[in-house]
């Protein structure tokens, strides 16, 4: 097992520990809406929303890739 895999395993175990400990009901109020669900579901939804927003912003604001230069004929 490489170091990246070990770090990934530790992060996953810590994330699962946090998620399991936050399983009690929570109330989300946003403007006129009110939803009561488990805190676990809210954490997962916010995690997914953050991932999507980060991915979209990286695609929109990221640096363009350099085009490969064409080889010149030396004949």
PDB file of N, CA and C in Angstrom:
ATOM      1  N   UNK A   1       0.840  -1.180   0.000  1.00  0.00           N
ATOM      2  CA  UNK A   1       0.000   0.000   0.000  1.00  0.00           C
ATOM      3  C   UNK A   1       0.882   1.238   0.000  1.00  0.00           C
ATOM      4  N   UNK A   2       0.564   2.136  -0.937  1.00  0.00           N
ATOM      5  CA  UNK A   2       1.322   3.365  -1.031  1.00  0.00           C
ATOM      6  C   UNK A   2       0.832   4.405  -0.037  1.00  0.00           C
ATOM      7  N   UNK A   3       1.596   5.473   0.129  1.00  0.00           N
ATOM      8  CA  UNK A   3       1.216   6.514   1.088  1.00  0.00           C
ATOM      9  C   UNK A   3      -0.100   7.215   0.734  1.00  0.00           C
ATOM     10  N   UNK A   4      -0.388   7.369  -0.558  1.00  0.00           N
ATOM     11  CA  UNK A   4      -1.644   8.016  -0.959  1.00  0.00           C
ATOM     12  C   UNK A   4      -2.842   7.181  -0.539  1.00  0.00           C
ATOM     13  N   UNK A   5      -2.731   5.878  -0.685  1.00  0.00           N
ATOM     14  CA  UNK A   5      -3.817   4.978  -0.314  1.00  0.00           C
ATOM     15  C   UNK A   5      -4.034   4.971   1.196  1.00  0.00           C
ATOM     16  N   UNK A   6      -2.954   5.035   1.954  1.00  0.00           N
ATOM     17  CA  UNK A   6      -3.065   5.071   3.414  1.00  0.00           C
ATOM     18  C   UNK A   6      -3.742   6.359   3.865  1.00  0.00           C
ATOM     19  N   UNK A   7      -3.352   7.495   3.292  1.00  0.00           N
ATOM     20  CA  UNK A   7      -3.974   8.780   3.640  1.00  0.00           C
ATOM     21  C   UNK A   7      -5.447   8.774   3.247  1.00  0.00           C
ATOM     22  N   UNK A   8      -5.768   8.238   2.077  1.00  0.00           N
ATOM     23  CA  UNK A   8      -7.158   8.147   1.643  1.00  0.00           C
ATOM     24  C   UNK A   8      -7.975   7.292   2.604  1.00  0.00           C
ATOM     25  N   UNK A   9      -7.420   6.177   3.037  1.00  0.00           N
ATOM     26  CA  UNK A   9      -8.105   5.305   3.980  1.00  0.00           C
ATOM     27  C   UNK A   9      -8.372   6.028   5.298  1.00  0.00           C
ATOM     28  N   UNK A  10      -7.391   6.768   5.804  1.00  0.00           N
ATOM     29  CA  UNK A  10      -7.559   7.510   7.055  1.00  0.00           C
ATOM     30  C   UNK A  10      -8.637   8.579   6.909  1.00  0.00           C
ATOM     31  N   UNK A  11      -8.646   9.293   5.794  1.00  0.00           N
ATOM     32  CA  UNK A  11      -9.650  10.331   5.557  1.00  0.00           C
ATOM     33  C   UNK A  11     -11.045   9.722   5.482  1.00  0.00           C
ATOM     34  N   UNK A  12     -11.188   8.597   4.812  1.00  0.00           N
ATOM     35  CA  UNK A  12     -12.492   7.938   4.700  1.00  0.00           C
ATOM     36  C   UNK A  12     -12.970   7.475   6.070  1.00  0.00           C
ATOM     37  N   UNK A  13     -12.099   6.904   6.875  1.00  0.00           N
ATOM     38  CA  UNK A  13     -12.480   6.449   8.209  1.00  0.00           C
ATOM     39  C   UNK A  13     -12.908   7.635   9.071  1.00  0.00           C
ATOM     40  N   UNK A  14     -12.173   8.740   9.018  1.00  0.00           N
ATOM     41  CA  UNK A  14     -12.551   9.927   9.783  1.00  0.00           C
ATOM     42  C   UNK A  14     -13.889  10.490   9.313  1.00  0.00           C
ATOM     43  N   UNK A  15     -14.106  10.531   8.004  1.00  0.00           N
ATOM     44  CA  UNK A  15     -15.364  11.044   7.460  1.00  0.00           C
ATOM     45  C   UNK A  15     -16.533  10.163   7.890  1.00  0.00           C
ATOM     46  N   UNK A  16     -16.365   8.854   7.828  1.00  0.00           N
ATOM     47  CA  UNK A  16     -17.437   7.948   8.257  1.00  0.00           C
ATOM     48  C   UNK A  16     -17.726   8.086   9.746  1.00  0.00           C
ATOM     49  N   UNK A  17     -16.698   8.291  10.548  1.00  0.00           N
ATOM     50  CA  UNK A  17     -16.886   8.493  11.984  1.00  0.00           C
ATOM     51  C   UNK A  17     -17.704   9.751  12.249  1.00  0.00           C
ATOM     52  N   UNK A  18     -17.389  10.826  11.561  1.00  0.00           N
ATOM     53  CA  UNK A  18     -18.131  12.082  11.721  1.00  0.00           C
ATOM     54  C   UNK A  18     -19.569  11.910  11.271  1.00  0.00           C
ATOM     55  N   UNK A  19     -19.773  11.233  10.154  1.00  0.00           N
ATOM     56  CA  UNK A  19     -21.129  11.042   9.646  1.00  0.00           C
ATOM     57  C   UNK A  19     -21.980  10.193  10.590  1.00  0.00           C
ATOM     58  N   UNK A  20     -21.417   9.129  11.133  1.00  0.00           N
ATOM     59  CA  UNK A  20     -22.176   8.250  12.021  1.00  0.00           C
ATOM     60  C   UNK A  20     -22.542   8.973  13.317  1.00  0.00           C
ATOM     61  N   UNK A  21     -21.670   9.832  13.807  1.00  0.00           N
ATOM     62  CA  UNK A  21     -21.937  10.544  15.053  1.00  0.00           C
ATOM     63  C   UNK A  21     -22.969  11.657  14.871  1.00  0.00           C
ATOM     64  N   UNK A  22     -23.249  12.061  13.646  1.00  0.00           N
ATOM     65  CA  UNK A  22     -24.193  13.139  13.385  1.00  0.00           C
ATOM     66  C   UNK A  22     -25.452  12.609  12.709  1.00  0.00           C
ATOM     67  N   UNK A  23     -26.080  11.626  13.309  1.00  0.00           N
ATOM     68  CA  UNK A  23     -27.259  11.028  12.686  1.00  0.00           C
ATOM     69  C   UNK A  23     -28.579  11.506  13.290  1.00  0.00           C
ATOM     70  N   UNK A  24     -28.547  12.384  14.277  1.00  0.00           N
ATOM     71  CA  UNK A  24     -29.788  12.852  14.894  1.00  0.00           C
ATOM     72  C   UNK A  24     -30.509  13.853  13.970  1.00  0.00           C
ATOM     73  N   UNK A  25     -31.802  14.052  14.192  1.00  0.00           N
ATOM     74  CA  UNK A  25     -32.581  14.934  13.309  1.00  0.00           C
ATOM     75  C   UNK A  25     -32.132  16.398  13.416  1.00  0.00           C
ATOM     76  N   UNK A  26     -32.223  17.087  12.299  1.00  0.00           N
ATOM     77  CA  UNK A  26     -31.883  18.500  12.249  1.00  0.00           C
ATOM     78  C   UNK A  26     -32.908  19.205  11.378  1.00  0.00           C
ATOM     79  N   UNK A  27     -33.139  20.468  11.675  1.00  0.00           N
ATOM     80  CA  UNK A  27     -34.126  21.243  10.931  1.00  0.00           C
ATOM     81  C   UNK A  27     -33.395  22.275  10.084  1.00  0.00           C
ATOM     82  N   UNK A  28     -33.697  22.289   8.803  1.00  0.00           N
ATOM     83  CA  UNK A  28     -33.100  23.235   7.872  1.00  0.00           C
ATOM     84  C   UNK A  28     -34.168  24.240   7.463  1.00  0.00           C
ATOM     85  N   UNK A  29     -33.913  25.515   7.720  1.00  0.00           N
ATOM     86  CA  UNK A  29     -34.843  26.566   7.328  1.00  0.00           C
ATOM     87  C   UNK A  29     -34.148  27.464   6.322  1.00  0.00           C
ATOM     88  N   UNK A  30     -34.754  27.592   5.164  1.00  0.00           N
ATOM     89  CA  UNK A  30     -34.204  28.411   4.100  1.00  0.00           C
ATOM     90  C   UNK A  30     -35.336  29.239   3.502  1.00  0.00           C
ATOM     91  N   UNK A  31     -35.330  30.533   3.772  1.00  0.00           N
ATOM     92  CA  UNK A  31     -36.372  31.466   3.354  1.00  0.00           C
ATOM     93  C   UNK A  31     -37.748  30.972   3.804  1.00  0.00           C
ATOM     94  N   UNK A  32     -38.564  30.495   2.895  1.00  0.00           N
ATOM     95  CA  UNK A  32     -39.923  30.077   3.238  1.00  0.00           C
ATOM     96  C   UNK A  32     -40.048  28.576   3.455  1.00  0.00           C
ATOM     97  N   UNK A  33     -38.992  27.838   3.227  1.00  0.00           N
ATOM     98  CA  UNK A  33     -39.040  26.385   3.338  1.00  0.00           C
ATOM     99  C   UNK A  33     -38.458  25.936   4.674  1.00  0.00           C
ATOM    100  N   UNK A  34     -38.991  24.849   5.161  1.00  0.00           N
ATOM    101  CA  UNK A  34     -38.470  24.247   6.376  1.00  0.00           C
ATOM    102  C   UNK A  34     -38.502  22.732   6.194  1.00  0.00           C
ATOM    103  N   UNK A  35     -37.362  22.105   6.379  1.00  0.00           N
ATOM    104  CA  UNK A  35     -37.242  20.657   6.190  1.00  0.00           C
ATOM    105  C   UNK A  35     -36.579  20.069   7.427  1.00  0.00           C
ATOM    106  N   UNK A  36     -37.130  18.967   7.914  1.00  0.00           N
ATOM    107  CA  UNK A  36     -36.504  18.262   9.026  1.00  0.00           C
ATOM    108  C   UNK A  36     -36.045  16.902   8.531  1.00  0.00           C
ATOM    109  N   UNK A  37     -34.768  16.664   8.641  1.00  0.00           N
ATOM    110  CA  UNK A  37     -34.163  15.418   8.177  1.00  0.00           C
ATOM    111  C   UNK A  37     -32.967  15.109   9.067  1.00  0.00           C
ATOM    112  N   UNK A  38     -32.335  13.993   8.852  1.00  0.00           N
ATOM    113  CA  UNK A  38     -31.168  13.662   9.674  1.00  0.00           C
ATOM    114  C   UNK A  38     -29.988  14.552   9.279  1.00  0.00           C
ATOM    115  N   UNK A  39     -29.175  14.820  10.262  1.00  0.00           N
ATOM    116  CA  UNK A  39     -28.011  15.665  10.013  1.00  0.00           C
ATOM    117  C   UNK A  39     -27.052  14.976   9.039  1.00  0.00           C
ATOM    118  N   UNK A  40     -27.054  13.667   9.034  1.00  0.00           N
ATOM    119  CA  UNK A  40     -26.240  12.893   8.103  1.00  0.00           C
ATOM    120  C   UNK A  40     -26.612  13.222   6.662  1.00  0.00           C
ATOM    121  N   UNK A  41     -27.915  13.265   6.364  1.00  0.00           N
ATOM    122  CA  UNK A  41     -28.368  13.584   5.009  1.00  0.00           C
ATOM    123  C   UNK A  41     -27.978  15.006   4.632  1.00  0.00           C
ATOM    124  N   UNK A  42     -28.107  15.936   5.563  1.00  0.00           N
ATOM    125  CA  UNK A  42     -27.730  17.327   5.270  1.00  0.00           C
ATOM    126  C   UNK A  42     -26.239  17.455   4.977  1.00  0.00           C
ATOM    127  N   UNK A  43     -25.429  16.751   5.737  1.00  0.00           N
ATOM    128  CA  UNK A  43     -23.982  16.800   5.510  1.00  0.00           C
ATOM    129  C   UNK A  43     -23.648  16.227   4.132  1.00  0.00           C
ATOM    130  N   UNK A  44     -24.261  15.107   3.772  1.00  0.00           N
ATOM    131  CA  UNK A  44     -23.994  14.502   2.465  1.00  0.00           C
ATOM    132  C   UNK A  44     -24.463  15.399   1.321  1.00  0.00           C
ATOM    133  N   UNK A  45     -25.624  16.039   1.484  1.00  0.00           N
ATOM    134  CA  UNK A  45     -26.121  16.943   0.446  1.00  0.00           C
ATOM    135  C   UNK A  45     -25.191  18.142   0.285  1.00  0.00           C
ATOM    136  N   UNK A  46     -24.748  18.716   1.387  1.00  0.00           N
ATOM    137  CA  UNK A  46     -23.842  19.862   1.310  1.00  0.00           C
ATOM    138  C   UNK A  46     -22.478  19.455   0.741  1.00  0.00           C
ATOM    139  N   UNK A  47     -22.032  18.264   1.064  1.00  0.00           N
ATOM    140  CA  UNK A  47     -20.775  17.760   0.511  1.00  0.00           C
ATOM    141  C   UNK A  47     -20.878  17.611  -1.008  1.00  0.00           C
ATOM    142  N   UNK A  48     -21.989  17.046  -1.465  1.00  0.00           N
ATOM    143  CA  UNK A  48     -22.201  16.880  -2.904  1.00  0.00           C
ATOM    144  C   UNK A  48     -22.326  18.238  -3.602  1.00  0.00           C
ATOM    145  N   UNK A  49     -23.049  19.174  -2.983  1.00  0.00           N
ATOM    146  CA  UNK A  49     -23.198  20.507  -3.571  1.00  0.00           C
ATOM    147  C   UNK A  49     -21.847  21.217  -3.659  1.00  0.00           C
ATOM    148  N   UNK A  50     -21.034  21.088  -2.631  1.00  0.00           N
ATOM    149  CA  UNK A  50     -19.699  21.686  -2.653  1.00  0.00           C
ATOM    150  C   UNK A  50     -18.819  21.082  -3.734  1.00  0.00           C
ATOM    151  N   UNK A  51     -18.904  19.770  -3.903  1.00  0.00           N
ATOM    152  CA  UNK A  51     -18.128  19.105  -4.945  1.00  0.00           C
ATOM    153  C   UNK A  51     -18.545  19.594  -6.328  1.00  0.00           C
ATOM    154  N   UNK A  52     -19.858  19.663  -6.564  1.00  0.00           N
ATOM    155  CA  UNK A  52     -20.364  20.101  -7.866  1.00  0.00           C
ATOM    156  C   UNK A  52     -19.955  21.550  -8.136  1.00  0.00           C
ATOM    157  N   UNK A  53     -20.123  22.431  -7.149  1.00  0.00           N
ATOM    158  CA  UNK A  53     -19.744  23.831  -7.339  1.00  0.00           C
ATOM    159  C   UNK A  53     -18.239  23.975  -7.585  1.00  0.00           C
ATOM    160  N   UNK A  54     -17.436  23.219  -6.868  1.00  0.00           N
ATOM    161  CA  UNK A  54     -15.993  23.268  -7.081  1.00  0.00           C
ATOM    162  C   UNK A  54     -15.604  22.763  -8.462  1.00  0.00           C
ATOM    163  N   UNK A  55     -16.247  21.688  -8.899  1.00  0.00           N
ATOM    164  CA  UNK A  55     -15.958  21.128 -10.216  1.00  0.00           C
ATOM    165  C   UNK A  55     -16.342  22.107 -11.324  1.00  0.00           C
ATOM    166  N   UNK A  56     -17.542  22.692 -11.208  1.00  0.00           N
ATOM    167  CA  UNK A  56     -18.018  23.627 -12.234  1.00  0.00           C
ATOM    168  C   UNK A  56     -17.151  24.880 -12.259  1.00  0.00           C
ATOM    169  N   UNK A  57     -16.802  25.413 -11.106  1.00  0.00           N
ATOM    170  CA  UNK A  57     -15.974  26.618 -11.088  1.00  0.00           C
ATOM    171  C   UNK A  57     -14.572  26.335 -11.616  1.00  0.00           C
ATOM    172  N   UNK A  58     -14.036  25.160 -11.357  1.00  0.00           N
ATOM    173  CA  UNK A  58     -12.720  24.812 -11.893  1.00  0.00           C
ATOM    174  C   UNK A  58     -12.765  24.716 -13.420  1.00  0.00           C
ATOM    175  N   UNK A  59     -13.857  24.166 -13.945  1.00  0.00           N
ATOM    176  CA  UNK A  59     -13.993  24.063 -15.405  1.00  0.00           C
ATOM    177  C   UNK A  59     -14.175  25.433 -16.040  1.00  0.00           C
ATOM    178  N   UNK A  60     -14.947  26.308 -15.407  1.00  0.00           N
ATOM    179  CA  UNK A  60     -15.221  27.624 -15.984  1.00  0.00           C
ATOM    180  C   UNK A  60     -14.056  28.599 -15.817  1.00  0.00           C
ATOM    181  N   UNK A  61     -13.379  28.552 -14.672  1.00  0.00           N
ATOM    182  CA  UNK A  61     -12.339  29.523 -14.369  1.00  0.00           C
ATOM    183  C   UNK A  61     -10.924  28.981 -14.518  1.00  0.00           C
ATOM    184  N   UNK A  62     -10.804  27.709 -14.813  1.00  0.00           N
ATOM    185  CA  UNK A  62      -9.484  27.093 -14.915  1.00  0.00           C
ATOM    186  C   UNK A  62      -8.706  27.595 -16.112  1.00  0.00           C
ATOM    187  N   UNK A  63      -7.402  27.415 -16.049  1.00  0.00           N
ATOM    188  CA  UNK A  63      -6.554  27.817 -17.156  1.00  0.00           C
ATOM    189  C   UNK A  63      -6.793  26.917 -18.358  1.00  0.00           C
ATOM    190  N   UNK A  64      -6.802  27.502 -19.554  1.00  0.00           N
ATOM    191  CA  UNK A  64      -6.954  26.657 -20.743  1.00  0.00           C
ATOM    192  C   UNK A  64      -5.694  25.816 -20.958  1.00  0.00           C
ATOM    193  N   UNK A  65      -5.903  24.653 -21.486  1.00  0.00           N
ATOM    194  CA  UNK A  65      -4.768  23.770 -21.752  1.00  0.00           C
ATOM    195  C   UNK A  65      -3.981  24.284 -22.950  1.00  0.00           C
ATOM    196  N   UNK A  66      -2.688  24.111 -22.887  1.00  0.00           N
ATOM    197  CA  UNK A  66      -1.832  24.532 -23.994  1.00  0.00           C
ATOM    198  C   UNK A  66      -2.007  23.551 -25.152  1.00  0.00           C
ATOM    199  N   UNK A  67      -2.137  24.112 -26.347  1.00  0.00           N
ATOM    200  CA  UNK A  67      -2.271  23.256 -27.521  1.00  0.00           C
ATOM    201  C   UNK A  67      -0.896  22.736 -27.900  1.00  0.00           C
ATOM    202  N   UNK A  68      -0.814  21.485 -28.308  1.00  0.00           N
ATOM    203  CA  UNK A  68       0.489  20.956 -28.723  1.00  0.00           C
ATOM    204  C   UNK A  68       0.959  21.657 -29.996  1.00  0.00           C
ATOM    205  N   UNK A  69       2.225  21.994 -30.003  1.00  0.00           N
ATOM    206  CA  UNK A  69       2.773  22.667 -31.181  1.00  0.00           C
ATOM    207  C   UNK A  69       2.973  21.665 -32.295  1.00  0.00           C
ATOM    208  N   UNK A  70       2.663  22.111 -33.516  1.00  0.00           N
ATOM    209  CA  UNK A  70       2.842  21.248 -34.659  1.00  0.00           C
ATOM    210  C   UNK A  70       4.314  21.168 -35.020  1.00  0.00           C
ATOM    211  N   UNK A  71       4.727  19.975 -35.406  1.00  0.00           N
ATOM    212  CA  UNK A  71       6.127  19.785 -35.783  1.00  0.00           C
ATOM    213  C   UNK A  71       6.361  20.403 -37.143  1.00  0.00           C
ATOM    214  N   UNK A  72       7.491  21.082 -37.276  1.00  0.00           N
ATOM    215  CA  UNK A  72       7.822  21.710 -38.550  1.00  0.00           C
ATOM    216  C   UNK A  72       8.627  20.728 -39.405  1.00  0.00           C
ATOM    217  N   UNK A  73       8.359  20.738 -40.705  1.00  0.00           N
ATOM    218  CA  UNK A  73       9.138  19.923 -41.621  1.00  0.00           C
ATOM    219  C   UNK A  73      10.473  20.588 -41.881  1.00  0.00           C
ATOM    220  N   UNK A  74      11.534  19.855 -41.749  1.00  0.00           N
ATOM    221  CA  UNK A  74      12.863  20.406 -41.954  1.00  0.00           C
ATOM    222  C   UNK A  74      13.445  19.933 -43.287  1.00  0.00           C
ATOM    223  N   UNK A  75      12.629  19.845 -44.319  1.00  0.00           N
ATOM    224  CA  UNK A  75      13.104  19.400 -45.622  1.00  0.00           C
ATOM    225  C   UNK A  75      13.456  20.535 -46.511  1.00  0.00           C
TER     226      UNK A  75
END
